[in-house]
Amino acid sequence: MYVYASGWYEPAGHRNADTGDGNCGSGSGNVDGSRAIYRAHKGSRRRKRFHCVNVKVKSDRGLETTIGNSNDYVRWTSNGQGHHPCKNIGESYLYTSAGSTFPGANFGFRCSVPDSIVHSLINGNSSHVNSAGATDSSNVRKTIKDQLLFGGTFRRGGTGTGYCLRKENLAKKIGNETCFDLVSKRINEATANQKAREYCVT
């Protein structure tokens, strides 16, 4: 499934490389899907230098070193704490325009989450998963954990079916509660009962 999260440059102005290449060494430049983008540039037209930052997380859930050093200069908080929102979660896709999905952010990301780690991410209860997130198409902010549990629809796309809305997971525990309990409380009891009926039929 996918999750969506806002991203910010770390506040001190650090970057992975200075280069004369506005596309940041074939990272493809400041367009959606880029692997490296520039956060600032200096100098005259002939001697312009771009301050480039790596923004791509690979399928192994680690940062791709497209250019320069391997440090992570992307954050999932606006105050400089945290790290790249897709790091340790899944491969990233960059949105250069924050828009209404990532309000107030420098950019946003879609993270591809392997099914094999969804349950452990939810139960891990990390500050990252509990805090990073984006604004859905109903203008409600959804953390990564909310998206993993219940899915969501965003102006940038959808997450796919949330973990607890898959009928086969209704009896599984998230902390001290089952998915059935969480769906009943967070969505409604009728939805939980319908999922339970579907499960019983199969």
C-alpha atoms as a PDB file:
ATOM      1  CA  MET A   1       0.000   0.000   0.000  1.00  0.00           C
ATOM      2  CA  TYR A   2       0.986   3.672  -0.130  1.00  0.00           C
ATOM      3  CA  VAL A   3       1.238   6.303   2.578  1.00  0.00           C
ATOM      4  CA  TYR A   4       1.656  10.055   2.087  1.00  0.00           C
ATOM      5  CA  ALA A   5       3.751  12.433   4.186  1.00  0.00           C
ATOM      6  CA  SER A   6       4.946  16.038   4.203  1.00  0.00           C
ATOM      7  CA  GLY A   7       8.658  16.775   4.008  1.00  0.00           C
ATOM      8  CA  TRP A   8      10.946  19.666   4.924  1.00  0.00           C
ATOM      9  CA  TYR A   9      14.586  20.514   4.365  1.00  0.00           C
ATOM     10  CA  GLU A  10      16.581  20.358   7.574  1.00  0.00           C
ATOM     11  CA  PRO A  11      16.740  23.980   8.784  1.00  0.00           C
ATOM     12  CA  ALA A  12      20.507  24.636   8.937  1.00  0.00           C
ATOM     13  CA  GLY A  13      20.897  24.810   5.157  1.00  0.00           C
ATOM     14  CA  HIS A  14      22.978  21.649   4.819  1.00  0.00           C
ATOM     15  CA  ARG A  15      23.120  19.887   1.474  1.00  0.00           C
ATOM     16  CA  ASN A  16      24.655  16.779  -0.059  1.00  0.00           C
ATOM     17  CA  ALA A  17      26.555  18.648  -2.765  1.00  0.00           C
ATOM     18  CA  ASP A  18      27.262  21.975  -4.421  1.00  0.00           C
ATOM     19  CA  THR A  19      27.203  21.700  -8.186  1.00  0.00           C
ATOM     20  CA  GLY A  20      26.918  23.788 -11.305  1.00  0.00           C
ATOM     21  CA  ASP A  21      24.243  21.382 -12.529  1.00  0.00           C
ATOM     22  CA  GLY A  22      20.692  22.602 -11.899  1.00  0.00           C
ATOM     23  CA  ASN A  23      19.493  19.022 -12.384  1.00  0.00           C
ATOM     24  CA  CYS A  24      21.716  17.963  -9.475  1.00  0.00           C
ATOM     25  CA  GLY A  25      23.901  15.440 -11.206  1.00  0.00           C
ATOM     26  CA  SER A  26      21.173  13.654 -13.187  1.00  0.00           C
ATOM     27  CA  GLY A  27      18.791  13.547 -10.220  1.00  0.00           C
ATOM     28  CA  SER A  28      16.478  15.138 -12.837  1.00  0.00           C
ATOM     29  CA  GLY A  29      15.970  18.507 -11.182  1.00  0.00           C
ATOM     30  CA  ASN A  30      13.116  20.140  -9.313  1.00  0.00           C
ATOM     31  CA  VAL A  31      10.245  18.181 -10.826  1.00  0.00           C
ATOM     32  CA  ASP A  32       7.938  15.481  -9.454  1.00  0.00           C
ATOM     33  CA  GLY A  33       9.731  12.167  -9.146  1.00  0.00           C
ATOM     34  CA  SER A  34      13.232  13.703  -8.844  1.00  0.00           C
ATOM     35  CA  ARG A  35      15.914  11.851  -6.901  1.00  0.00           C
ATOM     36  CA  ALA A  36      17.964  14.963  -6.094  1.00  0.00           C
ATOM     37  CA  ILE A  37      16.766  18.583  -6.074  1.00  0.00           C
ATOM     38  CA  TYR A  38      18.281  21.958  -5.297  1.00  0.00           C
ATOM     39  CA  ARG A  39      17.194  23.926  -2.252  1.00  0.00           C
ATOM     40  CA  ALA A  40      19.058  27.132  -3.144  1.00  0.00           C
ATOM     41  CA  HIS A  41      21.533  28.527  -5.641  1.00  0.00           C
ATOM     42  CA  LYS A  42      24.239  31.181  -5.521  1.00  0.00           C
ATOM     43  CA  GLY A  43      26.414  33.105  -7.919  1.00  0.00           C
ATOM     44  CA  SER A  44      26.044  34.817 -11.264  1.00  0.00           C
ATOM     45  CA  ARG A  45      24.433  33.275 -14.298  1.00  0.00           C
ATOM     46  CA  ARG A  46      27.814  31.993 -15.530  1.00  0.00           C
ATOM     47  CA  ARG A  47      29.019  30.734 -12.145  1.00  0.00           C
ATOM     48  CA  LYS A  48      25.796  29.645 -10.505  1.00  0.00           C
ATOM     49  CA  ARG A  49      26.184  26.925  -7.880  1.00  0.00           C
ATOM     50  CA  PHE A  50      23.258  24.778  -6.792  1.00  0.00           C
ATOM     51  CA  HIS A  51      22.875  23.464  -3.237  1.00  0.00           C
ATOM     52  CA  CYS A  52      21.629  19.927  -3.907  1.00  0.00           C
ATOM     53  CA  VAL A  53      19.814  17.521  -1.593  1.00  0.00           C
ATOM     54  CA  ASN A  54      19.136  13.805  -2.101  1.00  0.00           C
ATOM     55  CA  VAL A  55      15.403  13.138  -1.716  1.00  0.00           C
ATOM     56  CA  LYS A  56      14.938   9.537  -2.878  1.00  0.00           C
ATOM     57  CA  VAL A  57      14.422   6.536  -0.595  1.00  0.00           C
ATOM     58  CA  LYS A  58      15.091   3.223  -2.354  1.00  0.00           C
ATOM     59  CA  SER A  59      13.097   0.000  -2.219  1.00  0.00           C
ATOM     60  CA  ASP A  60      15.425  -1.257   0.544  1.00  0.00           C
ATOM     61  CA  ARG A  61      14.049   1.668   2.633  1.00  0.00           C
ATOM     62  CA  GLY A  62      17.404   3.480   2.747  1.00  0.00           C
ATOM     63  CA  LEU A  63      18.344   6.866   1.236  1.00  0.00           C
ATOM     64  CA  GLU A  64      19.705   6.810  -2.303  1.00  0.00           C
ATOM     65  CA  THR A  65      23.018   8.624  -2.713  1.00  0.00           C
ATOM     66  CA  THR A  66      22.374  10.269  -6.064  1.00  0.00           C
ATOM     67  CA  ILE A  67      24.961  12.996  -5.555  1.00  0.00           C
ATOM     68  CA  GLY A  68      27.543  13.990  -2.939  1.00  0.00           C
ATOM     69  CA  ASN A  69      27.571  12.635   0.602  1.00  0.00           C
ATOM     70  CA  SER A  70      25.101  10.105   2.018  1.00  0.00           C
ATOM     71  CA  ASN A  71      23.608  12.246   4.814  1.00  0.00           C
ATOM     72  CA  ASP A  72      19.853  12.613   5.133  1.00  0.00           C
ATOM     73  CA  TYR A  73      18.885  16.300   4.914  1.00  0.00           C
ATOM     74  CA  VAL A  74      15.121  15.765   4.647  1.00  0.00           C
ATOM     75  CA  ARG A  75      12.828  15.816   7.694  1.00  0.00           C
ATOM     76  CA  TRP A  76       9.282  14.728   8.485  1.00  0.00           C
ATOM     77  CA  THR A  77       8.918  17.623  10.966  1.00  0.00           C
ATOM     78  CA  SER A  78       9.029  21.343  10.231  1.00  0.00           C
ATOM     79  CA  ASN A  79      11.297  22.028  13.233  1.00  0.00           C
ATOM     80  CA  GLY A  80      14.221  19.959  11.972  1.00  0.00           C
ATOM     81  CA  GLN A  81      13.669  16.796  13.977  1.00  0.00           C
ATOM     82  CA  GLY A  82      13.211  13.362  12.490  1.00  0.00           C
ATOM     83  CA  HIS A  83      14.416  12.144   9.098  1.00  0.00           C
ATOM     84  CA  HIS A  84      13.110  11.489   5.590  1.00  0.00           C
ATOM     85  CA  PRO A  85       9.447  10.437   6.017  1.00  0.00           C
ATOM     86  CA  CYS A  86       9.833   7.341   3.797  1.00  0.00           C
ATOM     87  CA  LYS A  87      13.061   6.148   5.402  1.00  0.00           C
ATOM     88  CA  ASN A  88      12.558   2.713   7.023  1.00  0.00           C
ATOM     89  CA  ILE A  89       9.089   2.561   5.430  1.00  0.00           C
ATOM     90  CA  GLY A  90       9.381   2.166   1.666  1.00  0.00           C
ATOM     91  CA  GLU A  91      10.438   3.540  -1.693  1.00  0.00           C
ATOM     92  CA  SER A  92       9.582   7.215  -2.145  1.00  0.00           C
ATOM     93  CA  TYR A  93       8.098   9.341  -4.893  1.00  0.00           C
ATOM     94  CA  LEU A  94       8.629  13.119  -4.615  1.00  0.00           C
ATOM     95  CA  TYR A  95       5.964  15.799  -5.125  1.00  0.00           C
ATOM     96  CA  THR A  96       7.677  19.163  -5.507  1.00  0.00           C
ATOM     97  CA  SER A  97       4.506  21.182  -4.940  1.00  0.00           C
ATOM     98  CA  ALA A  98       3.176  21.012  -1.392  1.00  0.00           C
ATOM     99  CA  GLY A  99      -0.376  22.039  -2.256  1.00  0.00           C
ATOM    100  CA  SER A 100      -3.293  21.089  -0.033  1.00  0.00           C
ATOM    101  CA  THR A 101      -2.026  17.542   0.564  1.00  0.00           C
ATOM    102  CA  PHE A 102       1.193  18.732   2.231  1.00  0.00           C
ATOM    103  CA  PRO A 103       0.277  22.219   3.524  1.00  0.00           C
ATOM    104  CA  GLY A 104       3.155  24.354   4.771  1.00  0.00           C
ATOM    105  CA  ALA A 105       5.768  21.780   3.736  1.00  0.00           C
ATOM    106  CA  ASN A 106       8.684  22.194   1.326  1.00  0.00           C
ATOM    107  CA  PHE A 107       7.467  19.149  -0.617  1.00  0.00           C
ATOM    108  CA  GLY A 108       5.683  15.840  -0.104  1.00  0.00           C
ATOM    109  CA  PHE A 109       6.220  12.124  -0.587  1.00  0.00           C
ATOM    110  CA  ARG A 110       4.359   8.964  -1.406  1.00  0.00           C
ATOM    111  CA  CYS A 111       5.973   5.948   0.288  1.00  0.00           C
ATOM    112  CA  SER A 112       5.390   2.407  -1.040  1.00  0.00           C
ATOM    113  CA  VAL A 113       4.971   0.147   1.989  1.00  0.00           C
ATOM    114  CA  PRO A 114       5.619  -3.598   1.599  1.00  0.00           C
ATOM    115  CA  ASP A 115       2.733  -5.661   3.019  1.00  0.00           C
ATOM    116  CA  SER A 116       5.250  -7.682   5.019  1.00  0.00           C
ATOM    117  CA  ILE A 117       6.103  -4.764   7.330  1.00  0.00           C
ATOM    118  CA  VAL A 118       2.708  -3.034   7.758  1.00  0.00           C
ATOM    119  CA  HIS A 119       1.787  -4.840  11.001  1.00  0.00           C
ATOM    120  CA  SER A 120       5.215  -4.236  12.565  1.00  0.00           C
ATOM    121  CA  LEU A 121       5.116  -0.538  11.619  1.00  0.00           C
ATOM    122  CA  ILE A 122       1.704  -0.156  13.262  1.00  0.00           C
ATOM    123  CA  ASN A 123       2.656  -2.049  16.410  1.00  0.00           C
ATOM    124  CA  GLY A 124       6.070  -0.380  16.619  1.00  0.00           C
ATOM    125  CA  ASN A 125       4.251   2.795  17.661  1.00  0.00           C
ATOM    126  CA  SER A 126       7.220   5.034  16.752  1.00  0.00           C
ATOM    127  CA  SER A 127       7.033   8.832  16.901  1.00  0.00           C
ATOM    128  CA  HIS A 128       7.777   8.809  13.178  1.00  0.00           C
ATOM    129  CA  VAL A 129       4.721   6.704  12.247  1.00  0.00           C
ATOM    130  CA  ASN A 130       2.547   8.485  14.839  1.00  0.00           C
ATOM    131  CA  SER A 131       3.475  12.008  13.695  1.00  0.00           C
ATOM    132  CA  ALA A 132       4.437  12.175  10.009  1.00  0.00           C
ATOM    133  CA  GLY A 133       1.513  12.419   7.622  1.00  0.00           C
ATOM    134  CA  ALA A 134      -0.497  14.408   5.092  1.00  0.00           C
ATOM    135  CA  THR A 135      -3.916  16.026   4.596  1.00  0.00           C
ATOM    136  CA  ASP A 136      -6.571  13.891   2.917  1.00  0.00           C
ATOM    137  CA  SER A 137      -9.141  14.987   0.338  1.00  0.00           C
ATOM    138  CA  SER A 138     -11.566  15.900   3.153  1.00  0.00           C
ATOM    139  CA  ASN A 139      -8.954  18.276   4.651  1.00  0.00           C
ATOM    140  CA  VAL A 140      -8.327  15.946   7.612  1.00  0.00           C
ATOM    141  CA  ARG A 141      -4.718  15.344   8.589  1.00  0.00           C
ATOM    142  CA  LYS A 142      -3.880  11.631   8.630  1.00  0.00           C
ATOM    143  CA  THR A 143      -0.700  10.304  10.214  1.00  0.00           C
ATOM    144  CA  ILE A 144       1.163   7.437   8.605  1.00  0.00           C
ATOM    145  CA  LYS A 145      -0.306   5.160  11.299  1.00  0.00           C
ATOM    146  CA  ASP A 146      -3.866   6.287  10.466  1.00  0.00           C
ATOM    147  CA  GLN A 147      -3.213   5.601   6.794  1.00  0.00           C
ATOM    148  CA  LEU A 148      -1.753   2.160   7.501  1.00  0.00           C
ATOM    149  CA  LEU A 149      -4.703   1.223   9.717  1.00  0.00           C
ATOM    150  CA  PHE A 150      -7.647   2.650   7.764  1.00  0.00           C
ATOM    151  CA  GLY A 151      -6.356   3.756   4.359  1.00  0.00           C
ATOM    152  CA  GLY A 152      -7.274   7.106   2.850  1.00  0.00           C
ATOM    153  CA  THR A 153      -7.921   9.175  -0.238  1.00  0.00           C
ATOM    154  CA  PHE A 154      -5.650  12.110  -1.007  1.00  0.00           C
ATOM    155  CA  ARG A 155      -5.604  14.645  -3.801  1.00  0.00           C
ATOM    156  CA  ARG A 156      -2.375  12.979  -4.898  1.00  0.00           C
ATOM    157  CA  GLY A 157      -3.950   9.502  -4.920  1.00  0.00           C
ATOM    158  CA  GLY A 158      -5.122   6.703  -2.662  1.00  0.00           C
ATOM    159  CA  THR A 159      -3.399   4.478  -0.125  1.00  0.00           C
ATOM    160  CA  GLY A 160      -5.107   1.203  -0.927  1.00  0.00           C
ATOM    161  CA  THR A 161      -7.071  -0.750   1.680  1.00  0.00           C
ATOM    162  CA  GLY A 162      -5.953  -0.105   5.240  1.00  0.00           C
ATOM    163  CA  TYR A 163      -4.735  -3.006   7.375  1.00  0.00           C
ATOM    164  CA  CYS A 164      -7.767  -3.062   9.680  1.00  0.00           C
ATOM    165  CA  LEU A 165     -10.239  -2.767   6.816  1.00  0.00           C
ATOM    166  CA  ARG A 166      -9.055  -6.082   5.384  1.00  0.00           C
ATOM    167  CA  LYS A 167     -11.537  -8.601   6.715  1.00  0.00           C
ATOM    168  CA  GLU A 168      -8.844 -11.198   7.374  1.00  0.00           C
ATOM    169  CA  ASN A 169      -7.208  -8.826   9.892  1.00  0.00           C
ATOM    170  CA  LEU A 170     -10.298  -8.039  12.002  1.00  0.00           C
ATOM    171  CA  ALA A 171      -9.272 -10.301  14.880  1.00  0.00           C
ATOM    172  CA  LYS A 172      -5.614  -9.221  14.879  1.00  0.00           C
ATOM    173  CA  LYS A 173      -4.347  -7.199  17.816  1.00  0.00           C
ATOM    174  CA  ILE A 174      -3.036  -3.646  17.597  1.00  0.00           C
ATOM    175  CA  GLY A 175      -1.779  -2.999  21.101  1.00  0.00           C
ATOM    176  CA  ASN A 176      -4.589  -4.075  23.447  1.00  0.00           C
ATOM    177  CA  GLU A 177      -7.362  -3.846  20.861  1.00  0.00           C
ATOM    178  CA  THR A 178      -8.369  -5.834  17.821  1.00  0.00           C
ATOM    179  CA  CYS A 179      -8.864  -4.303  14.400  1.00  0.00           C
ATOM    180  CA  PHE A 180     -12.608  -4.908  14.911  1.00  0.00           C
ATOM    181  CA  ASP A 181     -12.504  -2.695  18.024  1.00  0.00           C
ATOM    182  CA  LEU A 182     -10.559   0.033  16.203  1.00  0.00           C
ATOM    183  CA  VAL A 183     -12.843   0.061  13.164  1.00  0.00           C
ATOM    184  CA  SER A 184     -15.887   0.219  15.451  1.00  0.00           C
ATOM    185  CA  LYS A 185     -14.461   3.227  17.316  1.00  0.00           C
ATOM    186  CA  ARG A 186     -12.745   5.121  14.515  1.00  0.00           C
ATOM    187  CA  ILE A 187     -15.154   4.521  11.639  1.00  0.00           C
ATOM    188  CA  ASN A 188     -18.378   2.931  12.877  1.00  0.00           C
ATOM    189  CA  GLU A 189     -19.770  -0.303  14.246  1.00  0.00           C
ATOM    190  CA  ALA A 190     -21.784  -1.014  11.097  1.00  0.00           C
ATOM    191  CA  THR A 191     -18.617  -1.087   9.000  1.00  0.00           C
ATOM    192  CA  ALA A 192     -16.917  -3.400  11.479  1.00  0.00           C
ATOM    193  CA  ASN A 193     -19.922  -5.733  11.506  1.00  0.00           C
ATOM    194  CA  GLN A 194     -20.061  -5.797   7.710  1.00  0.00           C
ATOM    195  CA  LYS A 195     -16.370  -6.740   7.524  1.00  0.00           C
ATOM    196  CA  ALA A 196     -17.000  -9.443  10.120  1.00  0.00           C
ATOM    197  CA  ARG A 197     -19.877 -10.877   8.048  1.00  0.00           C
ATOM    198  CA  GLU A 198     -17.648 -10.890   4.940  1.00  0.00           C
ATOM    199  CA  TYR A 199     -14.969 -12.712   6.906  1.00  0.00           C
ATOM    200  CA  CYS A 200     -17.413 -15.321   8.172  1.00  0.00           C
ATOM    201  CA  VAL A 201     -18.715 -15.976   4.645  1.00  0.00           C
ATOM    202  CA  THR A 202     -15.191 -16.674   3.384  1.00  0.00           C
END
